[in-house]
Amino acid sequence: SKGEGHPIKVGTPIGRRRGRVIRILDKEVVVREYRKDFRGREIVRDIAMRLPSID
C-alpha cells in the first residue's frame, strides 16, 4: 500500500488478478478475484480488505 486514497464503487477493477469490487461496507471492501489453476480451471476468490478507521 502506498497510502494513497482512490474513489471506488461496485464494479471498480482492482488488484492484479482481474479483481472487481463486489461489496462496500462500513469497515471493509470485498473484492472478487479470478485466476486459473495449473490445469487451466478458473478459480474465484472473494477477499475482504479492511478499511482504516477514521478517528
Protein backbone atom coordinates (compact mmCIF):
# COMPACT_ATOMS: atom_id res chain seq x y z
CA SER A 1 0.00 0.00 0.00
CA LYS A 2 1.27 3.42 -0.91
CA GLY A 3 -1.10 5.20 1.46
CA GLU A 4 -3.00 6.83 -1.39
CA GLY A 5 -6.78 7.11 -1.49
CA HIS A 6 -8.78 6.22 -4.58
CA PRO A 7 -12.53 6.54 -5.14
CA ILE A 8 -14.19 3.18 -5.82
CA LYS A 9 -17.67 1.81 -6.43
CA VAL A 10 -19.11 -1.65 -7.01
CA GLY A 11 -17.62 -2.94 -10.25
CA THR A 12 -14.35 -0.99 -9.99
CA PRO A 13 -11.41 -3.11 -11.23
CA ILE A 14 -8.80 -3.59 -8.52
CA GLY A 15 -5.72 -5.75 -7.98
CA ARG A 16 -3.55 -7.87 -10.25
CA ARG A 17 -5.82 -10.88 -10.69
CA ARG A 18 -8.72 -9.33 -12.59
CA GLY A 19 -10.35 -8.34 -9.29
CA ARG A 20 -13.55 -6.32 -9.10
CA VAL A 21 -15.21 -4.64 -6.13
CA ILE A 22 -18.39 -6.59 -5.34
CA ARG A 23 -19.40 -5.04 -1.99
CA ILE A 24 -18.57 -1.93 0.02
CA LEU A 25 -19.30 -1.96 3.75
CA ASP A 26 -18.52 0.49 6.55
CA LYS A 27 -15.33 -1.29 7.62
CA GLU A 28 -14.31 -3.34 4.58
CA VAL A 29 -14.38 -3.69 0.82
CA VAL A 30 -14.95 -7.12 -0.72
CA VAL A 31 -13.07 -7.87 -3.94
CA ARG A 32 -13.71 -10.90 -6.17
CA GLU A 33 -10.61 -12.21 -7.94
CA TYR A 34 -10.46 -14.62 -10.85
CA ARG A 35 -7.41 -16.74 -11.61
CA LYS A 36 -6.57 -20.06 -13.23
CA ASP A 37 -5.10 -23.10 -11.52
CA PHE A 38 -2.35 -25.26 -13.02
CA ARG A 39 -4.95 -27.18 -15.07
CA GLY A 40 -6.43 -24.01 -16.54
CA ARG A 41 -9.60 -24.10 -14.45
CA GLU A 42 -10.85 -20.74 -13.27
CA ILE A 43 -10.81 -20.18 -9.51
CA VAL A 44 -12.94 -17.44 -7.97
CA ARG A 45 -11.91 -16.00 -4.61
CA ASP A 46 -13.56 -13.26 -2.52
CA ILE A 47 -11.19 -11.17 -0.43
CA ALA A 48 -12.28 -8.81 2.36
CA MET A 49 -10.00 -5.79 2.62
CA ARG A 50 -10.33 -3.92 5.91
CA LEU A 51 -10.58 -0.15 5.73
CA PRO A 52 -8.59 2.00 8.13
CA SER A 53 -10.66 3.55 10.90
CA ILE A 54 -11.11 7.30 10.86
CA ASP A 55 -10.62 8.72 14.34
